[in-house]
């Protein structure tokens, strides 16, 4: 009973999204990350 288990793990994350190929999309995603206190190491738009 004295042992505490952590469920909110700390880690870096890889995310793959399929997004609309329109101006402003990347800014919106970056804005969400900023509001959530997340920072980005790398971001890459891949060939369709």
ModelCIF file with pLDDT and N, C-alpha, C, O atoms, coordinates in Angstrom:
data_MODEL
#
_entry.id   MODEL 
#
_entity.id                         1 
_entity.type                       polymer 
_entity.pdbx_number_of_molecules   1 
#
_entity_poly.entity_id                      1 
_entity_poly.type                           'polypeptide(L)' 
_entity_poly.nstd_linkage                   no 
_entity_poly.nstd_monomer                   no 
_entity_poly.pdbx_seq_one_letter_code       
;(UNK)(UNK)(UNK)(UNK)(UNK)(UNK)(UNK)(UNK)(UNK)(UNK)(UNK)(UNK)(UNK)(UNK)(UNK)(UNK)
(UNK)(UNK)(UNK)(UNK)(UNK)(UNK)(UNK)(UNK)(UNK)(UNK)(UNK)(UNK)(UNK)(UNK)(UNK)(UNK)
(UNK)(UNK)(UNK)(UNK)(UNK)(UNK)(UNK)(UNK)(UNK)(UNK)(UNK)(UNK)(UNK)(UNK)(UNK)(UNK)
;
_entity_poly.pdbx_seq_one_letter_code_can   XXXXXXXXXXXXXXXXXXXXXXXXXXXXXXXXXXXXXXXXXXXXXXXX 
_entity_poly.pdbx_strand_id                 A 
#
loop_
_entity_poly_seq.entity_id 
_entity_poly_seq.num 
_entity_poly_seq.mon_id 
_entity_poly_seq.hetero 
1 1  UNK n 
1 2  UNK n 
1 3  UNK n 
1 4  UNK n 
1 5  UNK n 
1 6  UNK n 
1 7  UNK n 
1 8  UNK n 
1 9  UNK n 
1 10 UNK n 
1 11 UNK n 
1 12 UNK n 
1 13 UNK n 
1 14 UNK n 
1 15 UNK n 
1 16 UNK n 
1 17 UNK n 
1 18 UNK n 
1 19 UNK n 
1 20 UNK n 
1 21 UNK n 
1 22 UNK n 
1 23 UNK n 
1 24 UNK n 
1 25 UNK n 
1 26 UNK n 
1 27 UNK n 
1 28 UNK n 
1 29 UNK n 
1 30 UNK n 
1 31 UNK n 
1 32 UNK n 
1 33 UNK n 
1 34 UNK n 
1 35 UNK n 
1 36 UNK n 
1 37 UNK n 
1 38 UNK n 
1 39 UNK n 
1 40 UNK n 
1 41 UNK n 
1 42 UNK n 
1 43 UNK n 
1 44 UNK n 
1 45 UNK n 
1 46 UNK n 
1 47 UNK n 
1 48 UNK n 
#
_struct_asym.id          A 
_struct_asym.entity_id   1 
#
loop_
_ma_qa_metric.id 
_ma_qa_metric.mode 
_ma_qa_metric.name 
_ma_qa_metric.software_group_id 
_ma_qa_metric.type 
1 global pLDDT . pLDDT 
2 local  pLDDT . pLDDT 
#
_ma_qa_metric_global.metric_id      1 
_ma_qa_metric_global.metric_value   92.83 
_ma_qa_metric_global.model_id       1 
_ma_qa_metric_global.ordinal_id     1 
#
loop_
_ma_qa_metric_local.label_asym_id 
_ma_qa_metric_local.label_comp_id 
_ma_qa_metric_local.label_seq_id 
_ma_qa_metric_local.metric_id 
_ma_qa_metric_local.metric_value 
_ma_qa_metric_local.model_id 
_ma_qa_metric_local.ordinal_id 
A UNK 1  2 94.00 1 1  
A UNK 2  2 95.00 1 2  
A UNK 3  2 97.00 1 3  
A UNK 4  2 97.00 1 4  
A UNK 5  2 97.00 1 5  
A UNK 6  2 96.00 1 6  
A UNK 7  2 93.00 1 7  
A UNK 8  2 96.00 1 8  
A UNK 9  2 93.00 1 9  
A UNK 10 2 95.00 1 10 
A UNK 11 2 96.00 1 11 
A UNK 12 2 97.00 1 12 
A UNK 13 2 98.00 1 13 
A UNK 14 2 98.00 1 14 
A UNK 15 2 97.00 1 15 
A UNK 16 2 96.00 1 16 
A UNK 17 2 95.00 1 17 
A UNK 18 2 93.00 1 18 
A UNK 19 2 92.00 1 19 
A UNK 20 2 91.00 1 20 
A UNK 21 2 88.00 1 21 
A UNK 22 2 88.00 1 22 
A UNK 23 2 90.00 1 23 
A UNK 24 2 92.00 1 24 
A UNK 25 2 92.00 1 25 
A UNK 26 2 91.00 1 26 
A UNK 27 2 93.00 1 27 
A UNK 28 2 95.00 1 28 
A UNK 29 2 95.00 1 29 
A UNK 30 2 94.00 1 30 
A UNK 31 2 95.00 1 31 
A UNK 32 2 96.00 1 32 
A UNK 33 2 96.00 1 33 
A UNK 34 2 95.00 1 34 
A UNK 35 2 96.00 1 35 
A UNK 36 2 97.00 1 36 
A UNK 37 2 96.00 1 37 
A UNK 38 2 96.00 1 38 
A UNK 39 2 96.00 1 39 
A UNK 40 2 95.00 1 40 
A UNK 41 2 95.00 1 41 
A UNK 42 2 93.00 1 42 
A UNK 43 2 92.00 1 43 
A UNK 44 2 88.00 1 44 
A UNK 45 2 86.00 1 45 
A UNK 46 2 79.00 1 46 
A UNK 47 2 75.00 1 47 
A UNK 48 2 66.00 1 48 
#
loop_
_atom_site.group_PDB 
_atom_site.id 
_atom_site.type_symbol 
_atom_site.label_atom_id 
_atom_site.label_alt_id 
_atom_site.label_comp_id 
_atom_site.label_asym_id 
_atom_site.label_entity_id 
_atom_site.label_seq_id 
_atom_site.pdbx_PDB_ins_code 
_atom_site.Cartn_x 
_atom_site.Cartn_y 
_atom_site.Cartn_z 
_atom_site.occupancy 
_atom_site.B_iso_or_equiv 
_atom_site.pdbx_formal_charge 
_atom_site.auth_seq_id 
_atom_site.auth_comp_id 
_atom_site.auth_asym_id 
_atom_site.auth_atom_id 
_atom_site.pdbx_PDB_model_num 
ATOM 1   N N  . UNK A 1 1  ? 0.791  -1.229 0.000   1.00 94.00 ? 1  UNK A N  1 
ATOM 2   C CA . UNK A 1 1  ? 0.000  0.000  0.000   1.00 94.00 ? 1  UNK A CA 1 
ATOM 3   C C  . UNK A 1 1  ? 0.817  1.269  0.000   1.00 94.00 ? 1  UNK A C  1 
ATOM 4   O O  . UNK A 1 1  ? 0.317  2.326  -0.385  1.00 94.00 ? 1  UNK A O  1 
ATOM 5   N N  . UNK A 1 2  ? 2.069  1.188  0.426   1.00 95.00 ? 2  UNK A N  1 
ATOM 6   C CA . UNK A 1 2  ? 2.914  2.385  0.492   1.00 95.00 ? 2  UNK A CA 1 
ATOM 7   C C  . UNK A 1 2  ? 3.560  2.735  -0.844  1.00 95.00 ? 2  UNK A C  1 
ATOM 8   O O  . UNK A 1 2  ? 4.131  3.815  -0.995  1.00 95.00 ? 2  UNK A O  1 
ATOM 9   N N  . UNK A 1 3  ? 3.472  1.824  -1.814  1.00 97.00 ? 3  UNK A N  1 
ATOM 10  C CA . UNK A 1 3  ? 4.115  2.041  -3.110  1.00 97.00 ? 3  UNK A CA 1 
ATOM 11  C C  . UNK A 1 3  ? 3.202  2.850  -4.015  1.00 97.00 ? 3  UNK A C  1 
ATOM 12  O O  . UNK A 1 3  ? 2.029  2.519  -4.186  1.00 97.00 ? 3  UNK A O  1 
ATOM 13  N N  . UNK A 1 4  ? 3.748  3.916  -4.594  1.00 97.00 ? 4  UNK A N  1 
ATOM 14  C CA . UNK A 1 4  ? 2.986  4.755  -5.518  1.00 97.00 ? 4  UNK A CA 1 
ATOM 15  C C  . UNK A 1 4  ? 3.321  4.360  -6.949  1.00 97.00 ? 4  UNK A C  1 
ATOM 16  O O  . UNK A 1 4  ? 4.491  4.255  -7.317  1.00 97.00 ? 4  UNK A O  1 
ATOM 17  N N  . UNK A 1 5  ? 2.288  4.142  -7.749  1.00 97.00 ? 5  UNK A N  1 
ATOM 18  C CA . UNK A 1 5  ? 2.474  3.813  -9.158  1.00 97.00 ? 5  UNK A CA 1 
ATOM 19  C C  . UNK A 1 5  ? 2.091  5.019  -10.012 1.00 97.00 ? 5  UNK A C  1 
ATOM 20  O O  . UNK A 1 5  ? 1.063  5.656  -9.782  1.00 97.00 ? 5  UNK A O  1 
ATOM 21  N N  . UNK A 1 6  ? 2.920  5.317  -10.985 1.00 96.00 ? 6  UNK A N  1 
ATOM 22  C CA . UNK A 1 6  ? 2.695  6.457  -11.871 1.00 96.00 ? 6  UNK A CA 1 
ATOM 23  C C  . UNK A 1 6  ? 2.023  5.976  -13.150 1.00 96.00 ? 6  UNK A C  1 
ATOM 24  O O  . UNK A 1 6  ? 2.519  5.068  -13.817 1.00 96.00 ? 6  UNK A O  1 
ATOM 25  N N  . UNK A 1 7  ? 0.895  6.586  -13.486 1.00 93.00 ? 7  UNK A N  1 
ATOM 26  C CA . UNK A 1 7  ? 0.211  6.249  -14.736 1.00 93.00 ? 7  UNK A CA 1 
ATOM 27  C C  . UNK A 1 7  ? 0.361  7.360  -15.783 1.00 93.00 ? 7  UNK A C  1 
ATOM 28  O O  . UNK A 1 7  ? 0.178  7.125  -16.978 1.00 93.00 ? 7  UNK A O  1 
ATOM 29  N N  . UNK A 1 8  ? 0.696  8.563  -15.323 1.00 96.00 ? 8  UNK A N  1 
ATOM 30  C CA . UNK A 1 8  ? 0.899  9.681  -16.252 1.00 96.00 ? 8  UNK A CA 1 
ATOM 31  C C  . UNK A 1 8  ? 2.379  9.720  -16.638 1.00 96.00 ? 8  UNK A C  1 
ATOM 32  O O  . UNK A 1 8  ? 3.134  10.578 -16.182 1.00 96.00 ? 8  UNK A O  1 
ATOM 33  N N  . UNK A 1 9  ? 2.769  8.778  -17.482 1.00 93.00 ? 9  UNK A N  1 
ATOM 34  C CA . UNK A 1 9  ? 4.178  8.578  -17.814 1.00 93.00 ? 9  UNK A CA 1 
ATOM 35  C C  . UNK A 1 9  ? 4.782  9.788  -18.512 1.00 93.00 ? 9  UNK A C  1 
ATOM 36  O O  . UNK A 1 9  ? 4.101  10.517 -19.234 1.00 93.00 ? 9  UNK A O  1 
ATOM 37  N N  . UNK A 1 10 ? 6.078  9.985  -18.280 1.00 95.00 ? 10 UNK A N  1 
ATOM 38  C CA . UNK A 1 10 ? 6.826  11.003 -19.003 1.00 95.00 ? 10 UNK A CA 1 
ATOM 39  C C  . UNK A 1 10 ? 7.589  10.353 -20.146 1.00 95.00 ? 10 UNK A C  1 
ATOM 40  O O  . UNK A 1 10 ? 8.269  9.344  -19.958 1.00 95.00 ? 10 UNK A O  1 
ATOM 41  N N  . UNK A 1 11 ? 7.472  10.934 -21.322 1.00 96.00 ? 11 UNK A N  1 
ATOM 42  C CA . UNK A 1 11 ? 8.099  10.368 -22.503 1.00 96.00 ? 11 UNK A CA 1 
ATOM 43  C C  . UNK A 1 11 ? 8.091  11.420 -23.598 1.00 96.00 ? 11 UNK A C  1 
ATOM 44  O O  . UNK A 1 11 ? 7.341  12.394 -23.526 1.00 96.00 ? 11 UNK A O  1 
ATOM 45  N N  . UNK A 1 12 ? 8.933  11.223 -24.621 1.00 97.00 ? 12 UNK A N  1 
ATOM 46  C CA . UNK A 1 12 ? 8.747  11.960 -25.864 1.00 97.00 ? 12 UNK A CA 1 
ATOM 47  C C  . UNK A 1 12 ? 7.751  11.164 -26.703 1.00 97.00 ? 12 UNK A C  1 
ATOM 48  O O  . UNK A 1 12 ? 7.491  9.996  -26.410 1.00 97.00 ? 12 UNK A O  1 
ATOM 49  N N  . UNK A 1 13 ? 7.196  11.774 -27.732 1.00 98.00 ? 13 UNK A N  1 
ATOM 50  C CA . UNK A 1 13 ? 6.166  11.099 -28.520 1.00 98.00 ? 13 UNK A CA 1 
ATOM 51  C C  . UNK A 1 13 ? 6.351  11.353 -30.019 1.00 98.00 ? 13 UNK A C  1 
ATOM 52  O O  . UNK A 1 13 ? 6.807  12.410 -30.455 1.00 98.00 ? 13 UNK A O  1 
ATOM 53  N N  . UNK A 1 14 ? 5.971  10.325 -30.777 1.00 98.00 ? 14 UNK A N  1 
ATOM 54  C CA . UNK A 1 14 ? 5.885  10.418 -32.231 1.00 98.00 ? 14 UNK A CA 1 
ATOM 55  C C  . UNK A 1 14 ? 4.413  10.459 -32.591 1.00 98.00 ? 14 UNK A C  1 
ATOM 56  O O  . UNK A 1 14 ? 3.636  9.622  -32.131 1.00 98.00 ? 14 UNK A O  1 
ATOM 57  N N  . UNK A 1 15 ? 4.022  11.426 -33.410 1.00 97.00 ? 15 UNK A N  1 
ATOM 58  C CA . UNK A 1 15 ? 2.644  11.518 -33.875 1.00 97.00 ? 15 UNK A CA 1 
ATOM 59  C C  . UNK A 1 15 ? 2.635  11.591 -35.400 1.00 97.00 ? 15 UNK A C  1 
ATOM 60  O O  . UNK A 1 15 ? 3.401  12.344 -36.001 1.00 97.00 ? 15 UNK A O  1 
ATOM 61  N N  . UNK A 1 16 ? 1.762  10.803 -36.015 1.00 96.00 ? 16 UNK A N  1 
ATOM 62  C CA . UNK A 1 16 ? 1.565  10.908 -37.475 1.00 96.00 ? 16 UNK A CA 1 
ATOM 63  C C  . UNK A 1 16 ? 0.125  11.334 -37.721 1.00 96.00 ? 16 UNK A C  1 
ATOM 64  O O  . UNK A 1 16 ? -0.822 10.699 -37.259 1.00 96.00 ? 16 UNK A O  1 
ATOM 65  N N  . UNK A 1 17 ? -0.011 12.426 -38.462 1.00 95.00 ? 17 UNK A N  1 
ATOM 66  C CA . UNK A 1 17 ? -1.320 12.976 -38.756 1.00 95.00 ? 17 UNK A CA 1 
ATOM 67  C C  . UNK A 1 17 ? -1.542 13.003 -40.266 1.00 95.00 ? 17 UNK A C  1 
ATOM 68  O O  . UNK A 1 17 ? -0.584 13.100 -41.033 1.00 95.00 ? 17 UNK A O  1 
ATOM 69  N N  . UNK A 1 18 ? -2.784 12.920 -40.689 1.00 93.00 ? 18 UNK A N  1 
ATOM 70  C CA . UNK A 1 18 ? -3.187 13.216 -42.061 1.00 93.00 ? 18 UNK A CA 1 
ATOM 71  C C  . UNK A 1 18 ? -3.983 14.511 -42.001 1.00 93.00 ? 18 UNK A C  1 
ATOM 72  O O  . UNK A 1 18 ? -5.073 14.548 -41.431 1.00 93.00 ? 18 UNK A O  1 
ATOM 73  N N  . UNK A 1 19 ? -3.443 15.563 -42.584 1.00 92.00 ? 19 UNK A N  1 
ATOM 74  C CA . UNK A 1 19 ? -4.057 16.888 -42.426 1.00 92.00 ? 19 UNK A CA 1 
ATOM 75  C C  . UNK A 1 19 ? -4.373 17.500 -43.781 1.00 92.00 ? 19 UNK A C  1 
ATOM 76  O O  . UNK A 1 19 ? -3.828 17.101 -44.810 1.00 92.00 ? 19 UNK A O  1 
ATOM 77  N N  . UNK A 1 20 ? -5.261 18.470 -43.752 1.00 91.00 ? 20 UNK A N  1 
ATOM 78  C CA . UNK A 1 20 ? -5.601 19.203 -44.968 1.00 91.00 ? 20 UNK A CA 1 
ATOM 79  C C  . UNK A 1 20 ? -4.405 20.003 -45.452 1.00 91.00 ? 20 UNK A C  1 
ATOM 80  O O  . UNK A 1 20 ? -3.740 20.682 -44.669 1.00 91.00 ? 20 UNK A O  1 
ATOM 81  N N  . UNK A 1 21 ? -4.142 19.919 -46.733 1.00 88.00 ? 21 UNK A N  1 
ATOM 82  C CA . UNK A 1 21 ? -3.001 20.633 -47.324 1.00 88.00 ? 21 UNK A CA 1 
ATOM 83  C C  . UNK A 1 21 ? -3.426 22.068 -47.634 1.00 88.00 ? 21 UNK A C  1 
ATOM 84  O O  . UNK A 1 21 ? -3.623 22.459 -48.784 1.00 88.00 ? 21 UNK A O  1 
ATOM 85  N N  . UNK A 1 22 ? -3.561 22.852 -46.519 1.00 88.00 ? 22 UNK A N  1 
ATOM 86  C CA . UNK A 1 22 ? -4.025 24.236 -46.629 1.00 88.00 ? 22 UNK A CA 1 
ATOM 87  C C  . UNK A 1 22 ? -3.150 25.146 -45.771 1.00 88.00 ? 22 UNK A C  1 
ATOM 88  O O  . UNK A 1 22 ? -2.565 24.687 -44.790 1.00 88.00 ? 22 UNK A O  1 
ATOM 89  N N  . UNK A 1 23 ? -3.052 26.428 -46.125 1.00 90.00 ? 23 UNK A N  1 
ATOM 90  C CA . UNK A 1 23 ? -2.309 27.371 -45.284 1.00 90.00 ? 23 UNK A CA 1 
ATOM 91  C C  . UNK A 1 23 ? -2.939 27.485 -43.901 1.00 90.00 ? 23 UNK A C  1 
ATOM 92  O O  . UNK A 1 23 ? -4.163 27.460 -43.770 1.00 90.00 ? 23 UNK A O  1 
ATOM 93  N N  . UNK A 1 24 ? -2.108 27.608 -42.872 1.00 92.00 ? 24 UNK A N  1 
ATOM 94  C CA . UNK A 1 24 ? -2.589 27.821 -41.508 1.00 92.00 ? 24 UNK A CA 1 
ATOM 95  C C  . UNK A 1 24 ? -2.783 26.569 -40.692 1.00 92.00 ? 24 UNK A C  1 
ATOM 96  O O  . UNK A 1 24 ? -2.943 26.648 -39.474 1.00 92.00 ? 24 UNK A O  1 
ATOM 97  N N  . UNK A 1 25 ? -2.773 25.389 -41.343 1.00 92.00 ? 25 UNK A N  1 
ATOM 98  C CA . UNK A 1 25 ? -2.989 24.136 -40.619 1.00 92.00 ? 25 UNK A CA 1 
ATOM 99  C C  . UNK A 1 25 ? -1.863 23.895 -39.615 1.00 92.00 ? 25 UNK A C  1 
ATOM 100 O O  . UNK A 1 25 ? -2.111 23.565 -38.455 1.00 92.00 ? 25 UNK A O  1 
ATOM 101 N N  . UNK A 1 26 ? -0.644 24.061 -40.070 1.00 91.00 ? 26 UNK A N  1 
ATOM 102 C CA . UNK A 1 26 ? 0.498  23.829 -39.186 1.00 91.00 ? 26 UNK A CA 1 
ATOM 103 C C  . UNK A 1 26 ? 0.498  24.799 -38.012 1.00 91.00 ? 26 UNK A C  1 
ATOM 104 O O  . UNK A 1 26 ? 0.855  24.426 -36.894 1.00 91.00 ? 26 UNK A O  1 
ATOM 105 N N  . UNK A 1 27 ? 0.100  26.038 -38.263 1.00 93.00 ? 27 UNK A N  1 
ATOM 106 C CA . UNK A 1 27 ? 0.041  27.037 -37.194 1.00 93.00 ? 27 UNK A CA 1 
ATOM 107 C C  . UNK A 1 27 ? -1.001 26.648 -36.143 1.00 93.00 ? 27 UNK A C  1 
ATOM 108 O O  . UNK A 1 27 ? -0.791 26.844 -34.946 1.00 93.00 ? 27 UNK A O  1 
ATOM 109 N N  . UNK A 1 28 ? -2.118 26.098 -36.602 1.00 95.00 ? 28 UNK A N  1 
ATOM 110 C CA . UNK A 1 28 ? -3.166 25.682 -35.656 1.00 95.00 ? 28 UNK A CA 1 
ATOM 111 C C  . UNK A 1 28 ? -2.670 24.534 -34.757 1.00 95.00 ? 28 UNK A C  1 
ATOM 112 O O  . UNK A 1 28 ? -2.910 24.526 -33.549 1.00 95.00 ? 28 UNK A O  1 
ATOM 113 N N  . UNK A 1 29 ? -1.973 23.568 -35.376 1.00 95.00 ? 29 UNK A N  1 
ATOM 114 C CA . UNK A 1 29 ? -1.455 22.434 -34.605 1.00 95.00 ? 29 UNK A CA 1 
ATOM 115 C C  . UNK A 1 29 ? -0.400 22.912 -33.609 1.00 95.00 ? 29 UNK A C  1 
ATOM 116 O O  . UNK A 1 29 ? -0.398 22.491 -32.452 1.00 95.00 ? 29 UNK A O  1 
ATOM 117 N N  . UNK A 1 30 ? 0.486  23.782 -34.053 1.00 94.00 ? 30 UNK A N  1 
ATOM 118 C CA . UNK A 1 30 ? 1.520  24.333 -33.165 1.00 94.00 ? 30 UNK A CA 1 
ATOM 119 C C  . UNK A 1 30 ? 0.896  25.112 -32.020 1.00 94.00 ? 30 UNK A C  1 
ATOM 120 O O  . UNK A 1 30 ? 1.405  25.106 -30.899 1.00 94.00 ? 30 UNK A O  1 
ATOM 121 N N  . UNK A 1 31 ? -0.222 25.790 -32.315 1.00 95.00 ? 31 UNK A N  1 
ATOM 122 C CA . UNK A 1 31 ? -0.916 26.548 -31.278 1.00 95.00 ? 31 UNK A CA 1 
ATOM 123 C C  . UNK A 1 31 ? -1.486 25.644 -30.201 1.00 95.00 ? 31 UNK A C  1 
ATOM 124 O O  . UNK A 1 31 ? -1.437 25.978 -29.017 1.00 95.00 ? 31 UNK A O  1 
ATOM 125 N N  . UNK A 1 32 ? -2.032 24.492 -30.606 1.00 96.00 ? 32 UNK A N  1 
ATOM 126 C CA . UNK A 1 32 ? -2.548 23.520 -29.641 1.00 96.00 ? 32 UNK A CA 1 
ATOM 127 C C  . UNK A 1 32 ? -1.414 23.021 -28.752 1.00 96.00 ? 32 UNK A C  1 
ATOM 128 O O  . UNK A 1 32 ? -1.555 22.953 -27.530 1.00 96.00 ? 32 UNK A O  1 
ATOM 129 N N  . UNK A 1 33 ? -0.290 22.671 -29.375 1.00 96.00 ? 33 UNK A N  1 
ATOM 130 C CA . UNK A 1 33 ? 0.850  22.189 -28.598 1.00 96.00 ? 33 UNK A CA 1 
ATOM 131 C C  . UNK A 1 33 ? 1.306  23.240 -27.595 1.00 96.00 ? 33 UNK A C  1 
ATOM 132 O O  . UNK A 1 33 ? 1.601  22.916 -26.444 1.00 96.00 ? 33 UNK A O  1 
ATOM 133 N N  . UNK A 1 34 ? 1.362  24.476 -28.018 1.00 95.00 ? 34 UNK A N  1 
ATOM 134 C CA . UNK A 1 34 ? 1.816  25.550 -27.130 1.00 95.00 ? 34 UNK A CA 1 
ATOM 135 C C  . UNK A 1 34 ? 0.864  25.721 -25.941 1.00 95.00 ? 34 UNK A C  1 
ATOM 136 O O  . UNK A 1 34 ? 1.306  25.895 -24.805 1.00 95.00 ? 34 UNK A O  1 
ATOM 137 N N  . UNK A 1 35 ? -0.443 25.670 -26.212 1.00 96.00 ? 35 UNK A N  1 
ATOM 138 C CA . UNK A 1 35 ? -1.428 25.810 -25.133 1.00 96.00 ? 35 UNK A CA 1 
ATOM 139 C C  . UNK A 1 35 ? -1.348 24.651 -24.135 1.00 96.00 ? 35 UNK A C  1 
ATOM 140 O O  . UNK A 1 35 ? -1.639 24.815 -22.951 1.00 96.00 ? 35 UNK A O  1 
ATOM 141 N N  . UNK A 1 36 ? -0.950 23.478 -24.637 1.00 97.00 ? 36 UNK A N  1 
ATOM 142 C CA . UNK A 1 36 ? -0.834 22.301 -23.767 1.00 97.00 ? 36 UNK A CA 1 
ATOM 143 C C  . UNK A 1 36 ? 0.530  22.209 -23.093 1.00 97.00 ? 36 UNK A C  1 
ATOM 144 O O  . UNK A 1 36 ? 0.786  21.283 -22.324 1.00 97.00 ? 36 UNK A O  1 
ATOM 145 N N  . UNK A 1 37 ? 1.404  23.169 -23.382 1.00 96.00 ? 37 UNK A N  1 
ATOM 146 C CA . UNK A 1 37 ? 2.729  23.158 -22.766 1.00 96.00 ? 37 UNK A CA 1 
ATOM 147 C C  . UNK A 1 37 ? 3.679  22.153 -23.380 1.00 96.00 ? 37 UNK A C  1 
ATOM 148 O O  . UNK A 1 37 ? 4.631  21.717 -22.732 1.00 96.00 ? 37 UNK A O  1 
ATOM 149 N N  . UNK A 1 38 ? 3.425  21.776 -24.648 1.00 96.00 ? 38 UNK A N  1 
ATOM 150 C CA . UNK A 1 38 ? 4.279  20.816 -25.341 1.00 96.00 ? 38 UNK A CA 1 
ATOM 151 C C  . UNK A 1 38 ? 5.176  21.539 -26.344 1.00 96.00 ? 38 UNK A C  1 
ATOM 152 O O  . UNK A 1 38 ? 4.770  22.507 -26.987 1.00 96.00 ? 38 UNK A O  1 
ATOM 153 N N  . UNK A 1 39 ? 6.408  21.040 -26.458 1.00 96.00 ? 39 UNK A N  1 
ATOM 154 C CA . UNK A 1 39 ? 7.321  21.601 -27.450 1.00 96.00 ? 39 UNK A CA 1 
ATOM 155 C C  . UNK A 1 39 ? 7.705  20.525 -28.455 1.00 96.00 ? 39 UNK A C  1 
ATOM 156 O O  . UNK A 1 39 ? 7.640  19.330 -28.167 1.00 96.00 ? 39 UNK A O  1 
ATOM 157 N N  . UNK A 1 40 ? 8.105  20.974 -29.642 1.00 95.00 ? 40 UNK A N  1 
ATOM 158 C CA . UNK A 1 40 ? 8.364  20.070 -30.753 1.00 95.00 ? 40 UNK A CA 1 
ATOM 159 C C  . UNK A 1 40 ? 9.856  19.980 -31.032 1.00 95.00 ? 40 UNK A C  1 
ATOM 160 O O  . UNK A 1 40 ? 10.539 20.998 -31.150 1.00 95.00 ? 40 UNK A O  1 
ATOM 161 N N  . UNK A 1 41 ? 10.356 18.749 -31.135 1.00 95.00 ? 41 UNK A N  1 
ATOM 162 C CA . UNK A 1 41 ? 11.749 18.520 -31.518 1.00 95.00 ? 41 UNK A CA 1 
ATOM 163 C C  . UNK A 1 41 ? 11.893 18.592 -33.027 1.00 95.00 ? 41 UNK A C  1 
ATOM 164 O O  . UNK A 1 41 ? 12.823 19.204 -33.554 1.00 95.00 ? 41 UNK A O  1 
ATOM 165 N N  . UNK A 1 42 ? 10.947 17.951 -33.716 1.00 93.00 ? 42 UNK A N  1 
ATOM 166 C CA . UNK A 1 42 ? 11.038 17.870 -35.170 1.00 93.00 ? 42 UNK A CA 1 
ATOM 167 C C  . UNK A 1 42 ? 9.648  17.737 -35.756 1.00 93.00 ? 42 UNK A C  1 
ATOM 168 O O  . UNK A 1 42 ? 8.782  17.062 -35.200 1.00 93.00 ? 42 UNK A O  1 
ATOM 169 N N  . UNK A 1 43 ? 9.448  18.397 -36.895 1.00 92.00 ? 43 UNK A N  1 
ATOM 170 C CA . UNK A 1 43 ? 8.183  18.278 -37.606 1.00 92.00 ? 43 UNK A CA 1 
ATOM 171 C C  . UNK A 1 43 ? 8.490  18.182 -39.095 1.00 92.00 ? 43 UNK A C  1 
ATOM 172 O O  . UNK A 1 43 ? 9.317  18.931 -39.614 1.00 92.00 ? 43 UNK A O  1 
ATOM 173 N N  . UNK A 1 44 ? 7.826  17.262 -39.775 1.00 88.00 ? 44 UNK A N  1 
ATOM 174 C CA . UNK A 1 44 ? 8.125  17.042 -41.185 1.00 88.00 ? 44 UNK A CA 1 
ATOM 175 C C  . UNK A 1 44 ? 6.852  16.720 -41.944 1.00 88.00 ? 44 UNK A C  1 
ATOM 176 O O  . UNK A 1 44 ? 6.078  15.849 -41.547 1.00 88.00 ? 44 UNK A O  1 
ATOM 177 N N  . UNK A 1 45 ? 6.646  17.434 -43.043 1.00 86.00 ? 45 UNK A N  1 
ATOM 178 C CA . UNK A 1 45 ? 5.543  17.095 -43.941 1.00 86.00 ? 45 UNK A CA 1 
ATOM 179 C C  . UNK A 1 45 ? 6.064  16.087 -44.948 1.00 86.00 ? 45 UNK A C  1 
ATOM 180 O O  . UNK A 1 45 ? 7.036  16.355 -45.654 1.00 86.00 ? 45 UNK A O  1 
ATOM 181 N N  . UNK A 1 46 ? 5.423  14.930 -45.018 1.00 79.00 ? 46 UNK A N  1 
ATOM 182 C CA . UNK A 1 46 ? 5.886  13.860 -45.892 1.00 79.00 ? 46 UNK A CA 1 
ATOM 183 C C  . UNK A 1 46 ? 5.192  13.936 -47.256 1.00 79.00 ? 46 UNK A C  1 
ATOM 184 O O  . UNK A 1 46 ? 4.157  14.585 -47.408 1.00 79.00 ? 46 UNK A O  1 
ATOM 185 N N  . UNK A 1 47 ? 5.775  13.271 -48.220 1.00 75.00 ? 47 UNK A N  1 
ATOM 186 C CA . UNK A 1 47 ? 5.220  13.233 -49.558 1.00 75.00 ? 47 UNK A CA 1 
ATOM 187 C C  . UNK A 1 47 ? 3.857  12.534 -49.527 1.00 75.00 ? 47 UNK A C  1 
ATOM 188 O O  . UNK A 1 47 ? 3.692  11.511 -48.861 1.00 75.00 ? 47 UNK A O  1 
ATOM 189 N N  . UNK A 1 48 ? 2.889  13.091 -50.247 1.00 66.00 ? 48 UNK A N  1 
ATOM 190 C CA . UNK A 1 48 ? 1.550  12.511 -50.250 1.00 66.00 ? 48 UNK A CA 1 
ATOM 191 C C  . UNK A 1 48 ? 1.550  11.171 -50.966 1.00 66.00 ? 48 UNK A C  1 
ATOM 192 O O  . UNK A 1 48 ? 0.506  10.527 -51.071 1.00 66.00 ? 48 UNK A O  1 
#
